[in-house]
Amino acid sequence: MKPCAKRPKVILVPYPAQGHVTPMLKLASTLHSHGFDPVLVTPEFIHRRISPPVDRKTAEVITYVPIPDGSGATDGTSRDFFSVEKAMEDIMPVHLERLVSGLDVSDDGMALMVVDLLASYAIEVGNRCRVPTVGFWPAMLATYKLVTAIPELVREGHISDCGLPQKKSELRQKPTLTTHDLPWLIGPVNARQARFKFWTRTLHRSASLRWLLVNSFPEEEDEALIQCSIDHPMIIPIGPLTSPSPVTKNSSLWEEDDTCLTWLKNQEPNSVIYVSFGSWVSPMGRDQIANLAISLESTGRPFLWVLGPSWCEGLPHGFLERVRSKGRVVSWAPQVEVLQDGAVGCYLTHCGWNSTVEAVQCGRRMLCWPVAGDQFVNCKYIVESWRVGVRLGGFREREVENGVRQVMDDGEMGVRLAELKERMMTSKASSKAAANMAGFLEDLRRMAEDDSL
């Protein structure tokens, strides 16, 4: 690798979904503060939804570069998991390689490429271009450890060679997980097997990495390093990445309805049930939407529900009229601003890692309805380890009402939430994460100097 220029470029390649782009943007901002020139590379359908800052000062922080994804679509809608996978394997590598090769010979030079592990095709591109490539895990470290345990799970008979559970059994990981909590178990059998193949390919490619930056808090670090195999990269906790900046303040890929903030100002403190299940996976069918609507109405409490237009078709007839004085339904909301509002009493969430961190950061208790991927692991921590939330068994009236009452009325839960926020997000925790990042960058610079001799 060439010695680093005054402000060398760093290419950042996120997996193309909201929950992955947001933390990568925050990482880009952090790297810029350390003297790098970040270049965010996304497929065209994501790039169309990202609005680079119009202010000259912030526009100079991150360069946004699209590469073809083969969809040909111009509507900016989300792609399903398998169409994204096909684009990453068959179409995007050649375009990324052309981009990386061009930047490597530019005047500014290039220090490294940071790759979301789920966009593992980019690891191979980095290796072919002989560019130092660093992994990025945008989720909780515990989920990464679960994925790296795949060979062990197969050996011990927990899952088959195709990733399917042989039986429901408990795993060694704490808090206690079962074979039903594995992140690839989504959809019918053929989809689960295909997703498992995706994860094993990701694991194989990541073995060539020297470092893995993890968007998790350093409290997990010691245990992780003890259990880390030499076959895996060095784990560097640098999160949670929450610091607001002009670049990342509005990193949503969707148009937000901020009129709900005015509505919140007119509600009583700690009274509102905030409901949002993220942007990537539809969490429910029509029947579940109808059940949840009826249950929210029956609580008699005010609620703010983020529900995409296509999902609104499942709402009961006349629902919006009946709840007009108590409830608000919007297609997308500025989530951090919502959670910061004192009117919010609890958060019904899919337990995505970004949403979990934001809830803790804002001191909001959680009602948990995990849907896919790392959400089951996050839910276990929220409910069993940290005890700052309750998992719902369903959306029937009694289940929702009991869940809301539990989280709203549990005074000790508020104390535990404050303690968790202290551990995750105070200056002491941030200092350790910052020290980890500084140590990683020092290693990188030292390696660059050695290569230049």
Protein backbone atom coordinates (compact mmCIF):
# COMPACT_ATOMS: atom_id res chain seq x y z
CA MET A 1 0.00 0.00 0.00
CA LYS A 2 1.21 3.50 -0.79
CA PRO A 3 1.84 5.97 2.06
CA CYS A 4 -1.34 7.86 2.91
CA ALA A 5 -1.77 11.30 1.37
CA LYS A 6 -2.87 14.31 3.42
CA ARG A 7 -6.54 13.36 3.03
CA PRO A 8 -6.63 9.92 1.41
CA LYS A 9 -9.85 8.44 0.15
CA VAL A 10 -11.77 5.69 1.92
CA ILE A 11 -14.37 3.78 -0.06
CA LEU A 12 -17.32 2.64 2.04
CA VAL A 13 -19.60 -0.11 0.74
CA PRO A 14 -22.76 -0.69 2.79
CA TYR A 15 -25.27 -3.46 2.28
CA PRO A 16 -28.10 -1.68 0.41
CA ALA A 17 -30.75 -1.28 3.12
CA GLN A 18 -31.71 1.52 5.52
CA GLY A 19 -30.40 -0.28 8.61
CA HIS A 20 -26.98 -0.64 6.99
CA VAL A 21 -26.64 2.67 5.14
CA THR A 22 -27.39 4.75 8.24
CA PRO A 23 -24.51 3.44 10.42
CA MET A 24 -22.15 3.49 7.43
CA LEU A 25 -22.90 7.20 6.97
CA LYS A 26 -22.11 7.77 10.64
CA LEU A 27 -18.84 5.85 10.22
CA ALA A 28 -18.04 7.98 7.16
CA SER A 29 -18.48 11.11 9.25
CA THR A 30 -16.18 9.69 11.93
CA LEU A 31 -13.49 8.83 9.37
CA HIS A 32 -13.73 12.32 7.91
CA SER A 33 -13.04 13.75 11.36
CA HIS A 34 -9.85 11.65 11.40
CA GLY A 35 -8.56 13.17 8.16
CA PHE A 36 -10.01 10.87 5.50
CA ASP A 37 -12.08 11.65 2.42
CA PRO A 38 -15.02 9.18 2.51
CA VAL A 39 -16.63 7.91 -0.69
CA LEU A 40 -19.96 6.12 -0.18
CA VAL A 41 -20.70 3.60 -2.92
CA THR A 42 -24.27 2.34 -3.27
CA PRO A 43 -26.37 0.71 -6.01
CA GLU A 44 -28.44 3.10 -8.08
CA PHE A 45 -31.74 2.34 -6.37
CA ILE A 46 -30.27 3.40 -3.01
CA HIS A 47 -28.38 6.37 -4.45
CA ARG A 48 -31.63 7.80 -5.82
CA ARG A 49 -33.01 7.91 -2.28
CA ILE A 50 -29.98 9.55 -0.68
CA SER A 51 -30.08 13.33 -0.78
CA PRO A 52 -26.53 14.66 -0.43
CA PRO A 53 -26.38 17.83 1.69
CA VAL A 54 -26.88 20.99 -0.32
CA ASP A 55 -24.78 23.03 2.09
CA ARG A 56 -21.30 23.37 0.61
CA LYS A 57 -19.53 22.61 3.87
CA THR A 58 -21.31 19.30 4.46
CA ALA A 59 -21.35 18.35 0.78
CA GLU A 60 -17.56 18.22 0.90
CA VAL A 61 -17.57 15.64 3.71
CA ILE A 62 -18.92 12.60 1.82
CA THR A 63 -18.82 11.83 -1.89
CA TYR A 64 -21.84 9.80 -3.03
CA VAL A 65 -21.16 7.45 -5.95
CA PRO A 66 -23.75 5.14 -7.57
CA ILE A 67 -22.93 1.92 -9.37
CA PRO A 68 -25.32 -0.01 -11.65
CA ASP A 69 -27.43 -2.68 -9.97
CA GLY A 70 -29.07 -4.01 -13.12
CA SER A 71 -32.63 -3.29 -12.04
CA GLY A 72 -33.27 -0.55 -14.57
CA ALA A 73 -35.98 0.78 -12.26
CA THR A 74 -36.24 4.47 -11.53
CA ASP A 75 -38.92 4.51 -8.84
CA GLY A 76 -36.49 4.14 -5.92
CA THR A 77 -38.46 1.32 -4.32
CA SER A 78 -36.82 -1.32 -2.14
CA ARG A 79 -35.57 -4.57 -3.61
CA ASP A 80 -36.18 -7.95 -2.06
CA PHE A 81 -33.31 -9.87 -0.47
CA PHE A 82 -32.67 -12.21 -3.38
CA SER A 83 -32.73 -9.55 -6.11
CA VAL A 84 -30.21 -7.56 -4.06
CA GLU A 85 -28.05 -10.66 -3.62
CA LYS A 86 -28.09 -11.33 -7.37
CA ALA A 87 -27.08 -7.74 -8.12
CA MET A 88 -24.21 -7.92 -5.61
CA GLU A 89 -22.90 -11.19 -7.01
CA ASP A 90 -23.45 -10.77 -10.76
CA ILE A 91 -23.55 -7.07 -11.62
CA MET A 92 -22.02 -4.75 -9.05
CA PRO A 93 -18.50 -6.30 -8.64
CA VAL A 94 -17.19 -5.25 -12.06
CA HIS A 95 -18.38 -1.67 -11.57
CA LEU A 96 -16.94 -1.43 -8.07
CA GLU A 97 -13.62 -2.86 -9.28
CA ARG A 98 -13.44 -0.25 -12.02
CA LEU A 99 -14.12 2.49 -9.46
CA VAL A 100 -11.58 1.19 -6.94
CA SER A 101 -8.87 0.80 -9.57
CA GLY A 102 -9.43 4.35 -10.77
CA LEU A 103 -9.25 5.88 -7.30
CA ASP A 104 -6.13 3.91 -6.39
CA VAL A 105 -4.07 5.71 -9.01
CA SER A 106 -5.53 9.17 -8.35
CA ASP A 107 -3.48 12.04 -6.94
CA ASP A 108 -5.08 11.79 -3.52
CA GLY A 109 -4.44 8.07 -3.21
CA MET A 110 -6.61 5.62 -1.31
CA ALA A 111 -6.02 4.33 2.20
CA LEU A 112 -8.52 1.50 2.42
CA MET A 113 -11.97 0.17 1.67
CA VAL A 114 -14.56 -0.41 4.43
CA VAL A 115 -17.05 -3.14 3.58
CA ASP A 116 -20.26 -4.13 5.31
CA LEU A 117 -19.85 -7.88 5.78
CA LEU A 118 -23.23 -8.49 4.16
CA ALA A 119 -21.83 -6.83 1.02
CA SER A 120 -19.02 -9.39 1.03
CA TYR A 121 -18.62 -9.31 -2.75
CA ALA A 122 -16.66 -6.09 -2.15
CA ILE A 123 -14.09 -7.96 -0.02
CA GLU A 124 -13.09 -9.95 -3.10
CA VAL A 125 -12.92 -6.75 -5.14
CA GLY A 126 -10.57 -5.23 -2.57
CA ASN A 127 -8.37 -8.32 -2.60
CA ARG A 128 -8.14 -8.31 -6.40
CA CYS A 129 -7.24 -4.60 -6.41
CA ARG A 130 -4.71 -5.10 -3.59
CA VAL A 131 -6.42 -2.46 -1.47
CA PRO A 132 -6.48 -2.96 2.33
CA THR A 133 -10.05 -3.94 3.14
CA VAL A 134 -11.66 -3.57 6.54
CA GLY A 135 -14.89 -5.26 7.56
CA PHE A 136 -17.79 -3.40 9.15
CA TRP A 137 -20.49 -5.08 11.21
CA PRO A 138 -23.36 -2.58 11.69
CA ALA A 139 -25.21 -4.75 14.21
CA MET A 140 -24.62 -6.09 17.70
CA LEU A 141 -21.43 -8.08 18.20
CA ALA A 142 -23.41 -11.00 19.65
CA THR A 143 -25.03 -11.63 16.25
CA TYR A 144 -21.64 -11.77 14.54
CA LYS A 145 -20.48 -14.33 17.09
CA LEU A 146 -23.58 -16.39 16.36
CA VAL A 147 -22.81 -16.37 12.63
CA THR A 148 -19.16 -17.34 13.19
CA ALA A 149 -20.43 -20.32 15.20
CA ILE A 150 -22.05 -21.88 12.09
CA PRO A 151 -19.38 -24.61 11.67
CA GLU A 152 -19.76 -25.52 15.34
CA LEU A 153 -23.56 -25.60 15.08
CA VAL A 154 -23.28 -28.04 12.18
CA ARG A 155 -20.68 -30.21 13.97
CA GLU A 156 -22.77 -30.44 17.13
CA GLY A 157 -25.91 -31.37 15.20
CA HIS A 158 -27.91 -28.24 15.99
CA ILE A 159 -28.41 -27.54 12.27
CA SER A 160 -28.00 -29.49 9.04
CA ASP A 161 -25.44 -28.73 6.34
CA CYS A 162 -28.19 -26.64 4.74
CA GLY A 163 -28.72 -24.56 7.88
CA LEU A 164 -32.06 -26.04 8.94
CA PRO A 165 -32.58 -26.85 12.64
CA GLN A 166 -32.45 -30.57 13.35
CA LYS A 167 -34.62 -29.87 16.38
CA LYS A 168 -35.37 -26.95 18.68
CA SER A 169 -32.38 -26.83 21.00
CA GLU A 170 -30.65 -24.26 23.17
CA LEU A 171 -27.31 -22.82 22.08
CA ARG A 172 -24.36 -22.01 24.32
CA GLN A 173 -24.60 -18.28 23.71
CA LYS A 174 -25.88 -16.05 26.51
CA PRO A 175 -28.58 -14.90 26.81
CA THR A 176 -30.05 -18.25 25.90
CA LEU A 177 -30.84 -18.56 22.21
CA THR A 178 -32.45 -21.48 20.43
CA THR A 179 -32.10 -22.83 16.91
CA HIS A 180 -35.33 -20.95 16.08
CA ASP A 181 -33.52 -17.62 16.64
CA LEU A 182 -30.98 -18.06 13.83
CA PRO A 183 -30.88 -15.06 11.46
CA TRP A 184 -31.37 -16.98 8.20
CA LEU A 185 -34.62 -18.71 9.24
CA ILE A 186 -36.97 -16.51 7.22
CA GLY A 187 -39.63 -17.72 4.80
CA PRO A 188 -40.16 -21.23 3.35
CA VAL A 189 -37.53 -23.97 3.44
CA ASN A 190 -35.93 -23.11 0.08
CA ALA A 191 -35.58 -19.45 1.09
CA ARG A 192 -34.01 -20.44 4.42
CA GLN A 193 -31.48 -22.67 2.66
CA ALA A 194 -30.62 -19.91 0.18
CA ARG A 195 -30.16 -17.38 2.99
CA PHE A 196 -27.94 -19.84 4.87
CA LYS A 197 -25.77 -20.17 1.76
CA PHE A 198 -25.50 -16.36 1.71
CA TRP A 199 -24.31 -16.35 5.34
CA THR A 200 -21.75 -19.13 4.84
CA ARG A 201 -20.36 -17.33 1.80
CA THR A 202 -20.13 -14.14 3.87
CA LEU A 203 -18.29 -16.01 6.62
CA HIS A 204 -15.84 -17.55 4.15
CA ARG A 205 -15.00 -14.22 2.51
CA SER A 206 -14.61 -12.37 5.82
CA ALA A 207 -11.88 -14.80 6.90
CA SER A 208 -9.41 -12.84 4.73
CA LEU A 209 -9.97 -9.62 6.69
CA ARG A 210 -7.48 -8.36 9.25
CA TRP A 211 -9.88 -6.03 11.09
CA LEU A 212 -13.60 -5.89 11.79
CA LEU A 213 -15.10 -2.60 12.99
CA VAL A 214 -18.22 -3.35 15.02
CA ASN A 215 -21.06 -0.93 15.72
CA SER A 216 -21.42 -2.23 19.25
CA PHE A 217 -20.37 -0.88 22.60
CA PRO A 218 -16.91 -1.76 24.01
CA GLU A 219 -18.44 -3.44 27.08
CA GLU A 220 -18.69 -6.59 24.95
CA GLU A 221 -15.03 -6.42 23.92
CA ASP A 222 -13.24 -8.61 26.47
CA GLU A 223 -15.52 -11.63 26.12
CA ALA A 224 -15.48 -11.30 22.35
CA LEU A 225 -11.70 -11.27 22.12
CA ILE A 226 -11.39 -14.28 24.42
CA GLN A 227 -13.70 -16.28 22.18
CA CYS A 228 -12.37 -14.94 18.89
CA SER A 229 -10.67 -17.52 16.65
CA ILE A 230 -7.52 -16.85 14.66
CA ASP A 231 -9.64 -17.71 11.61
CA HIS A 232 -11.59 -14.46 12.06
CA PRO A 233 -10.59 -10.78 11.91
CA MET A 234 -9.59 -8.71 14.92
CA ILE A 235 -12.75 -7.28 16.49
CA ILE A 236 -12.72 -3.52 17.14
CA PRO A 237 -15.86 -2.17 18.87
CA ILE A 238 -16.35 1.46 17.79
CA GLY A 239 -19.99 2.05 18.65
CA PRO A 240 -22.68 2.56 19.09
CA LEU A 241 -22.42 5.12 16.29
CA THR A 242 -25.01 7.65 17.41
CA SER A 243 -23.33 11.04 17.34
CA PRO A 244 -25.43 13.49 15.32
CA SER A 245 -23.73 15.49 12.59
CA PRO A 246 -24.86 17.63 9.66
CA VAL A 247 -24.11 14.65 7.42
CA THR A 248 -26.07 12.01 9.29
CA LYS A 249 -28.83 13.97 10.97
CA ASN A 250 -31.26 13.01 8.21
CA SER A 251 -29.97 9.75 6.76
CA SER A 252 -33.37 8.24 6.08
CA LEU A 253 -33.92 6.74 2.64
CA TRP A 254 -37.62 7.59 2.88
CA GLU A 255 -39.54 10.86 2.90
CA GLU A 256 -40.39 11.71 6.50
CA ASP A 257 -43.66 13.17 7.75
CA ASP A 258 -42.51 15.60 10.42
CA THR A 259 -46.04 16.88 11.09
CA CYS A 260 -46.28 14.09 13.65
CA LEU A 261 -43.81 16.06 15.81
CA THR A 262 -46.36 18.85 16.16
CA TRP A 263 -48.99 16.27 17.09
CA LEU A 264 -46.69 14.84 19.78
CA LYS A 265 -46.30 18.26 21.39
CA ASN A 266 -50.01 18.20 22.22
CA GLN A 267 -49.87 14.84 24.05
CA GLU A 268 -49.35 14.17 27.75
CA PRO A 269 -45.84 13.17 28.93
CA ASN A 270 -45.05 9.44 28.66
CA SER A 271 -48.48 8.66 27.20
CA VAL A 272 -47.89 7.78 23.53
CA ILE A 273 -47.29 4.30 22.12
CA TYR A 274 -44.86 4.70 19.21
CA VAL A 275 -45.09 1.86 16.66
CA SER A 276 -42.53 1.29 13.89
CA PHE A 277 -41.17 -1.90 12.36
CA GLY A 278 -38.39 -0.57 10.14
CA SER A 279 -38.08 -0.34 6.38
CA TRP A 280 -36.68 -3.62 5.07
CA VAL A 281 -38.91 -6.53 6.10
CA SER A 282 -42.69 -6.41 6.22
CA PRO A 283 -43.44 -7.66 9.72
CA MET A 284 -47.01 -8.80 9.29
CA GLY A 285 -49.85 -9.73 7.01
CA ARG A 286 -53.29 -8.16 6.70
CA ASP A 287 -54.76 -10.08 9.64
CA GLN A 288 -51.97 -8.99 11.97
CA ILE A 289 -52.29 -5.37 10.86
CA ALA A 290 -56.01 -5.51 11.60
CA ASN A 291 -55.42 -7.15 15.00
CA LEU A 292 -52.81 -4.57 15.99
CA ALA A 293 -55.06 -1.72 14.88
CA ILE A 294 -57.94 -3.02 17.00
CA SER A 295 -55.61 -3.57 19.96
CA LEU A 296 -54.10 -0.09 19.78
CA GLU A 297 -57.57 1.41 19.63
CA SER A 298 -58.75 -0.66 22.60
CA THR A 299 -55.90 0.55 24.86
CA GLY A 300 -57.47 4.00 24.86
CA ARG A 301 -53.97 5.48 24.79
CA PRO A 302 -52.64 7.86 22.14
CA PHE A 303 -50.42 6.21 19.55
CA LEU A 304 -48.19 7.14 16.62
CA TRP A 305 -47.96 4.34 14.06
CA VAL A 306 -45.49 4.30 11.16
CA LEU A 307 -47.22 2.24 8.48
CA GLY A 308 -46.35 2.16 4.79
CA PRO A 309 -49.12 2.94 2.29
CA SER A 310 -49.32 -0.65 1.03
CA TRP A 311 -49.76 -1.95 4.59
CA CYS A 312 -52.59 0.52 5.29
CA GLU A 313 -54.83 -1.65 3.13
CA GLY A 314 -55.02 -4.05 6.08
CA LEU A 315 -56.53 -1.48 8.46
CA PRO A 316 -60.12 -2.18 9.57
CA HIS A 317 -62.86 -0.20 7.82
CA GLY A 318 -63.36 3.16 9.50
CA PHE A 319 -60.32 2.77 11.77
CA LEU A 320 -58.63 6.05 10.85
CA GLU A 321 -61.84 8.01 11.43
CA ARG A 322 -62.49 6.38 14.80
CA VAL A 323 -59.00 7.05 16.17
CA ARG A 324 -58.61 10.54 14.71
CA SER A 325 -58.63 12.16 18.16
CA LYS A 326 -56.22 9.64 19.72
CA GLY A 327 -54.02 8.14 17.04
CA ARG A 328 -51.81 9.22 14.17
CA VAL A 329 -50.74 7.00 11.24
CA VAL A 330 -47.85 8.19 9.02
CA SER A 331 -45.90 6.52 6.22
CA TRP A 332 -42.50 7.41 7.72
CA ALA A 333 -41.36 9.45 10.71
CA PRO A 334 -38.15 11.18 11.86
CA GLN A 335 -37.52 8.46 14.41
CA VAL A 336 -34.86 10.01 16.63
CA GLU A 337 -36.87 13.21 16.99
CA VAL A 338 -39.96 11.14 17.83
CA LEU A 339 -38.14 9.09 20.46
CA GLN A 340 -36.64 12.22 21.99
CA ASP A 341 -40.10 13.68 22.57
CA GLY A 342 -41.21 13.40 26.18
CA ALA A 343 -44.72 12.36 25.12
CA VAL A 344 -43.50 8.91 24.02
CA GLY A 345 -44.03 6.34 26.76
CA CYS A 346 -43.00 3.15 24.96
CA TYR A 347 -41.82 1.92 21.58
CA LEU A 348 -43.29 -1.11 19.79
CA THR A 349 -40.32 -2.15 17.66
CA HIS A 350 -38.96 -4.89 15.40
CA CYS A 351 -35.71 -4.71 17.43
CA GLY A 352 -33.40 -3.66 14.62
CA TRP A 353 -30.04 -2.66 16.09
CA ASN A 354 -30.23 1.00 15.02
CA SER A 355 -33.73 1.28 16.49
CA THR A 356 -32.62 -0.46 19.68
CA VAL A 357 -29.69 1.92 20.14
CA GLU A 358 -31.91 4.94 19.45
CA ALA A 359 -34.46 3.72 22.01
CA VAL A 360 -31.77 3.34 24.68
CA GLN A 361 -30.21 6.67 23.74
CA CYS A 362 -33.60 8.38 24.21
CA GLY A 363 -34.56 6.38 27.30
CA ARG A 364 -37.57 4.58 25.78
CA ARG A 365 -38.92 1.26 27.02
CA MET A 366 -39.59 -1.32 24.34
CA LEU A 367 -42.35 -3.70 23.30
CA CYS A 368 -40.60 -6.24 21.10
CA TRP A 369 -41.80 -7.94 17.94
CA PRO A 370 -38.67 -9.31 16.18
CA VAL A 371 -39.13 -10.23 12.55
CA ALA A 372 -35.86 -11.32 10.95
CA GLY A 373 -32.07 -11.42 11.02
CA ASP A 374 -30.34 -10.03 14.10
CA GLN A 375 -33.61 -8.86 15.62
CA PHE A 376 -34.13 -12.08 17.58
CA VAL A 377 -30.74 -11.72 19.27
CA ASN A 378 -31.36 -8.05 20.01
CA CYS A 379 -34.75 -8.93 21.50
CA LYS A 380 -33.16 -11.47 23.84
CA TYR A 381 -30.80 -8.81 25.16
CA ILE A 382 -33.58 -6.23 25.52
CA VAL A 383 -35.91 -8.59 27.39
CA GLU A 384 -33.65 -11.04 29.26
CA SER A 385 -30.23 -9.42 29.74
CA TRP A 386 -31.01 -5.72 30.06
CA ARG A 387 -34.67 -6.11 31.09
CA VAL A 388 -35.75 -2.86 29.46
CA GLY A 389 -38.56 -4.32 27.38
CA VAL A 390 -41.19 -7.03 26.99
CA ARG A 391 -41.64 -9.42 24.08
CA LEU A 392 -45.15 -9.60 22.66
CA GLY A 393 -46.60 -13.02 21.88
CA GLY A 394 -49.05 -11.57 19.37
CA PHE A 395 -51.26 -8.60 18.56
CA ARG A 396 -54.50 -9.63 20.24
CA GLU A 397 -56.12 -7.02 22.48
CA ARG A 398 -55.14 -8.59 25.78
CA GLU A 399 -51.55 -9.27 24.67
CA VAL A 400 -50.96 -5.69 23.55
CA GLU A 401 -52.76 -4.15 26.52
CA ASN A 402 -50.82 -6.30 29.01
CA GLY A 403 -47.53 -5.55 27.26
CA VAL A 404 -48.15 -1.81 27.27
CA ARG A 405 -49.12 -1.88 30.93
CA GLN A 406 -46.01 -3.87 31.86
CA VAL A 407 -43.56 -1.48 30.25
CA MET A 408 -45.41 1.70 31.17
CA ASP A 409 -45.91 0.85 34.86
CA ASP A 410 -42.60 -0.86 35.70
CA GLY A 411 -40.64 1.72 37.66
CA GLU A 412 -37.59 -0.52 37.96
CA MET A 413 -37.45 -0.82 34.18
CA GLY A 414 -36.86 2.92 33.98
CA VAL A 415 -33.96 2.61 36.42
CA ARG A 416 -32.41 -0.23 34.41
CA LEU A 417 -32.81 1.74 31.20
CA ALA A 418 -30.98 4.71 32.70
CA GLU A 419 -28.17 2.41 33.86
CA LEU A 420 -27.92 0.82 30.40
CA LYS A 421 -27.73 4.23 28.75
CA GLU A 422 -24.96 5.12 31.19
CA ARG A 423 -22.94 2.04 30.19
CA MET A 424 -23.50 2.41 26.45
CA MET A 425 -23.44 6.12 25.78
CA THR A 426 -21.69 8.18 28.43
CA SER A 427 -18.37 9.91 27.85
CA LYS A 428 -16.53 6.94 29.39
CA ALA A 429 -18.04 4.49 26.90
CA SER A 430 -17.54 6.93 24.02
CA SER A 431 -13.91 7.44 25.04
CA LYS A 432 -13.20 3.72 24.87
CA ALA A 433 -14.83 3.45 21.45
CA ALA A 434 -12.85 6.48 20.26
CA ALA A 435 -9.63 4.94 21.62
CA ASN A 436 -10.39 1.73 19.71
CA MET A 437 -10.86 3.70 16.49
CA ALA A 438 -7.66 5.69 17.08
CA GLY A 439 -5.71 2.49 17.75
CA PHE A 440 -7.02 0.92 14.54
CA LEU A 441 -6.06 3.98 12.48
CA GLU A 442 -2.60 4.01 14.05
CA ASP A 443 -2.14 0.36 13.05
CA LEU A 444 -3.25 1.27 9.54
CA ARG A 445 -0.79 4.16 9.28
CA ARG A 446 2.04 2.03 10.67
CA MET A 447 1.32 -0.65 8.09
CA ALA A 448 1.34 1.98 5.34
CA GLU A 449 4.74 3.25 6.47
CA ASP A 450 6.16 -0.27 6.58
CA ASP A 451 4.92 -0.95 3.04
CA SER A 452 6.58 2.23 1.79
CA LEU A 453 10.06 1.28 3.01
